[in-house]
Amino acid sequence: MEAIAEVDQWHGELESVFARVAGRFVRVDLRRRMRDYVRGLLTPVGRKNGWQLAEWAGHRDPAGLQHLLNGARWDADAVRDDVRDYVAERLGPGGVLIIDDTGFIKKGSTSAGVGGQYTGTSGKIDNCQIGVFAAYATGSGRALVDRELYLPKSWTSDRERCRAAKIPDEKGFVTKGEPARDIVRRCLDSGLPAAWVTADEAYGQDWHFRRLLEQLDVG
């Protein structure tokens, strides 16, 4: 009975999160696809690609989920803000904001930012995308709260390639430290109650990053 009660509680909490972000999706069908997609990501589906997630959700094909991610109009940054505020409320103050980057192994050359670069995912130079991420952790739990895509010079020096991938013209090359600093500012300005910020040596060696933390008076 305890397990059933826990499942019911978990289900209810997930529904409250869906309700919180529902207004970011202007059409009912998009809200339903968003719910199916998130639920699919939380299941033990072997490979979380479009076909398998669609099959799990009972869709005829992955077109609906692909449209949600590639063609539908909704504000991903606004959803990010909703999730970050929810995490701050549920996990509470005094936590640690954790900055790190990770790679996503890819085939092909058209995914935004993809290229031959080192990633800890495989422990070597691989064809991948790199993202800079932030997680918030307290004694109550941990969750991702922000992200930025890293664009290598091979992309930012080729504006036609960027436009084909829908990367704005104003996006120029920056090291990973700059999006990390932007994420820290964004999180703390939003009221995320972090007492500390931590990152690995790649960020710790960046004096701009350390100086920012001093200016923000965060450990």
Foldseek 3Di string as FASTA:
>chain_A
DVVVVVVVVVVVVVVVLLVLCVVQAPDPLLSVLVVLLVVLVVDVQPDSDQASSCVVSVHPGSPSNCCSVPPGDGDPVVSLLSVLVVCLVQQHAAWEKEKDKAWDADPDDQAAQWDFDDGPVVRHTGGTWMKIWIKIDDPRGIDTRDIDTAHDQVPQVDVVSCVSNPHDVPDHHDPPLVVVLVVVCVSVVSPRRYQAYDYDVVNVVDVVNVVSCVVVVHD
